[in-house]
Protein backbone atom coordinates (compact mmCIF):
# COMPACT_ATOMS: atom_id res chain seq x y z
CA MET A 1 47.81 -42.95 -153.41
CA THR A 2 50.80 -41.11 -152.78
CA LYS A 3 49.89 -38.73 -156.00
CA LEU A 4 46.51 -38.86 -154.50
CA ILE A 5 47.75 -37.47 -151.05
CA LYS A 6 49.51 -34.65 -153.15
CA ILE A 7 47.71 -33.34 -154.93
CA ILE A 8 44.97 -33.41 -151.55
CA SER A 9 47.33 -31.33 -150.00
CA LEU A 10 47.84 -28.50 -152.43
CA SER A 11 44.01 -28.50 -152.78
CA LEU A 12 43.68 -27.96 -149.21
CA THR A 13 46.74 -25.54 -149.36
CA ALA A 14 45.48 -23.37 -152.05
CA LEU A 15 42.18 -23.28 -150.42
CA ILE A 16 43.40 -22.13 -147.33
CA LEU A 17 45.45 -19.32 -148.80
CA VAL A 18 42.52 -17.86 -151.36
CA GLY A 19 39.99 -18.24 -148.10
CA GLY A 20 42.47 -16.71 -146.11
CA PHE A 21 42.81 -13.47 -148.32
CA THR A 22 39.47 -13.20 -148.70
CA CYS A 23 38.78 -12.87 -144.75
CA ARG A 24 41.33 -10.78 -143.99
CA ALA A 25 40.30 -8.04 -147.19
CA GLU A 26 36.75 -8.33 -145.81
CA ALA A 27 38.38 -7.26 -142.46
CA VAL A 28 40.33 -4.44 -143.95
CA GLN A 29 37.13 -3.32 -145.09
CA LYS A 30 35.19 -3.57 -142.04
CA LYS A 31 34.96 0.12 -140.55
CA VAL A 32 35.14 0.18 -136.66
CA ILE A 33 33.38 2.73 -134.73
CA PRO A 34 35.32 3.25 -130.97
CA GLY A 35 33.26 2.71 -127.62
CA GLY A 36 31.52 0.47 -125.87
CA GLN A 37 32.27 -1.52 -123.12
CA ASN A 38 34.66 -3.95 -124.03
CA GLN A 39 36.69 -2.01 -126.78
CA LEU A 40 40.29 -0.41 -125.51
CA LYS A 41 39.50 3.20 -127.36
CA GLY A 42 36.56 4.82 -126.44
CA ILE A 43 35.07 8.16 -127.16
CA ASP A 44 36.00 10.91 -124.41
CA GLU A 45 35.15 13.88 -125.86
CA GLY A 46 31.56 15.39 -126.71
CA LYS A 47 28.47 17.29 -126.03
CA ILE A 48 26.11 17.51 -123.05
CA GLY A 49 23.60 14.54 -123.33
CA ALA A 50 26.74 11.94 -125.24
CA GLN A 51 27.44 9.17 -123.48
CA LEU A 52 31.38 8.96 -123.19
CA PHE A 53 33.59 6.29 -122.49
CA ASN A 54 37.72 5.96 -121.64
CA GLY A 55 37.86 2.65 -120.96
CA THR A 56 37.62 2.50 -117.17
CA SER A 57 34.09 4.59 -116.74
CA LYS A 58 31.11 5.99 -118.79
CA PHE A 59 30.74 9.21 -118.34
CA LYS A 60 27.35 11.56 -119.31
CA VAL A 61 26.76 15.22 -118.59
CA ILE A 62 22.68 15.32 -118.16
CA SER A 63 22.75 19.61 -117.64
CA VAL A 64 24.31 22.44 -116.84
CA GLU A 65 22.45 25.42 -115.67
CA TYR A 66 23.02 28.92 -114.09
CA PRO A 67 20.36 29.43 -111.31
CA GLU A 68 19.62 32.70 -110.11
CA VAL A 69 19.71 31.31 -106.30
CA GLY A 70 20.88 28.53 -104.47
CA PRO A 71 18.74 25.10 -102.94
CA LYS A 72 18.17 27.30 -100.24
CA GLY A 73 17.53 30.82 -101.54
CA GLU A 74 21.30 31.38 -101.51
CA LYS A 75 22.67 34.26 -103.88
CA PRO A 76 25.75 34.10 -105.33
CA GLY A 77 28.32 36.71 -104.14
CA LYS A 78 28.75 39.89 -105.66
CA ASP A 79 29.76 40.01 -109.59
CA GLU A 80 29.12 35.80 -109.74
CA LYS A 81 26.72 33.43 -111.17
CA TRP A 82 26.15 30.33 -110.02
CA ILE A 83 26.73 27.52 -112.01
CA VAL A 84 25.11 23.30 -111.55
CA ILE A 85 26.41 20.30 -113.42
CA GLU A 86 24.61 17.01 -113.10
CA THR A 87 26.27 14.77 -114.51
CA GLU A 88 26.33 10.53 -114.30
CA VAL A 89 28.82 8.28 -114.22
CA LYS A 90 29.04 4.65 -114.71
CA ASN A 91 31.69 1.73 -113.54
CA ALA A 92 32.78 -0.01 -116.45
CA ARG A 93 35.73 -2.00 -115.22
CA LYS A 94 35.56 -5.44 -113.54
CA PHE A 95 35.90 -4.25 -110.15
CA THR A 96 34.67 -1.68 -107.44
CA GLY A 97 36.28 1.21 -108.05
CA SER A 98 35.66 4.37 -105.96
CA TYR A 99 33.98 7.58 -108.02
CA GLY A 100 33.00 11.44 -106.72
CA GLY A 101 34.30 12.95 -104.03
CA VAL A 102 37.65 14.42 -103.86
CA ASN A 103 39.14 11.58 -106.22
CA CYS A 104 37.10 13.25 -109.34
CA LYS A 105 37.83 17.02 -110.44
CA LEU A 106 35.74 18.84 -113.12
CA GLN A 107 37.23 22.11 -114.37
CA LEU A 108 35.74 24.67 -116.43
CA VAL A 109 37.48 26.37 -119.30
CA ASP A 110 36.22 29.39 -121.21
CA ALA A 111 36.79 30.55 -124.92
CA ASP A 112 40.72 31.82 -123.74
CA ASP A 113 41.69 28.46 -121.99
CA GLN A 114 41.41 29.94 -119.25
CA LEU A 115 40.48 27.46 -116.20
CA PHE A 116 38.23 27.34 -113.56
CA GLU A 117 39.04 25.01 -111.07
CA LYS A 118 36.73 25.73 -107.80
CA VAL A 119 34.38 23.66 -109.15
CA ARG A 120 32.84 21.51 -105.79
CA HIS A 121 30.76 17.62 -106.01
CA VAL A 122 28.23 18.33 -103.67
CA ASN A 123 24.83 17.16 -102.48
CA ARG A 124 21.62 18.50 -104.74
CA ASN A 125 19.57 19.87 -102.31
CA ASP A 126 22.38 21.32 -99.85
CA TRP A 127 25.21 22.82 -102.12
CA LYS A 128 27.16 23.55 -98.43
CA LYS A 129 27.57 19.75 -98.29
CA TRP A 130 30.41 18.28 -100.05
CA GLU A 131 29.70 14.62 -101.00
CA SER A 132 31.96 11.75 -100.21
CA PRO A 133 33.77 9.51 -102.73
CA ARG A 134 31.25 6.20 -103.39
CA ARG A 135 32.30 2.78 -104.09
CA LEU A 136 30.80 1.01 -107.20
CA LEU A 137 30.44 -2.18 -108.66
CA PRO A 138 31.09 -3.09 -112.02
CA ALA A 139 28.03 -1.91 -113.88
CA ALA A 140 27.03 0.56 -111.30
CA GLY A 141 26.15 4.30 -111.80
CA LEU A 142 26.01 7.20 -109.65
CA LYS A 143 24.65 11.35 -110.43
CA ALA A 144 27.13 14.12 -109.43
CA CYS A 145 25.99 17.32 -109.23
CA TYR A 146 28.72 20.12 -109.07
CA VAL A 147 28.36 23.53 -108.32
CA ALA A 148 30.51 26.65 -108.46
CA GLN A 149 30.23 30.61 -108.28
CA ILE A 150 31.59 31.95 -111.47
CA PRO A 151 32.59 35.12 -111.89
CA SER A 152 29.89 37.15 -114.19
CA ASP A 153 31.85 37.72 -116.87
CA TYR A 154 33.22 33.98 -117.08
CA ASN A 155 31.63 32.15 -120.17
CA PRO A 156 32.83 28.46 -120.25
CA VAL A 157 32.70 26.66 -123.23
CA ARG A 158 33.86 23.43 -122.25
CA LEU A 159 34.38 21.06 -119.18
CA ILE A 160 36.99 18.94 -118.60
CA TYR A 161 36.13 16.06 -115.45
CA ILE A 162 39.10 13.96 -114.39
CA VAL A 163 37.99 11.14 -112.67
CA GLU A 164 41.44 9.52 -112.00
CA PRO A 165 45.01 9.72 -112.50
CA GLY A 166 46.51 7.83 -115.54
CA VAL A 167 43.22 7.69 -117.00
CA PRO A 168 41.93 9.02 -120.12
CA VAL A 169 40.06 12.98 -119.15
CA TYR A 170 36.50 13.34 -120.51
CA ARG A 171 36.08 16.99 -122.63
CA VAL A 172 32.72 17.72 -122.65
CA ASN A 173 31.71 21.11 -125.22
CA PHE A 174 28.70 22.88 -123.96
């Protein structure tokens, strides 16, 4: 009887070891693609139209425009041009978060790595009205409009979006 128990025990041990190595080898072969709401490492750099994720929020640049005049016919200053950036932000946390307003910063970068930081979060229909931050429930989102008068010879190639201090920033290439 003890011989039978030893044989069964050794057989089970061998089966567990072989099965364990097989599962492990399969796990090593799988390619992990970053992104998704439940993964810690997301994709925080991309192009216009790409859905980006930094672990706390999702971010998407919908469009970048250079209109001739503002929503109420306002013309830009001398040697300046308008830039309007439409974005979408979604809270990807399990708790309510604050987004938009002065809490978030959007910066433009040109080919020479010169920053332009005077970009305002405004109402899409009236650029003189600053938007205040909004509290977003988990999985809730908002569309935000950013506008700036930039020098006419300034050509941004990338924008940097800072959601809040301490979380990875978003980089979107034009």
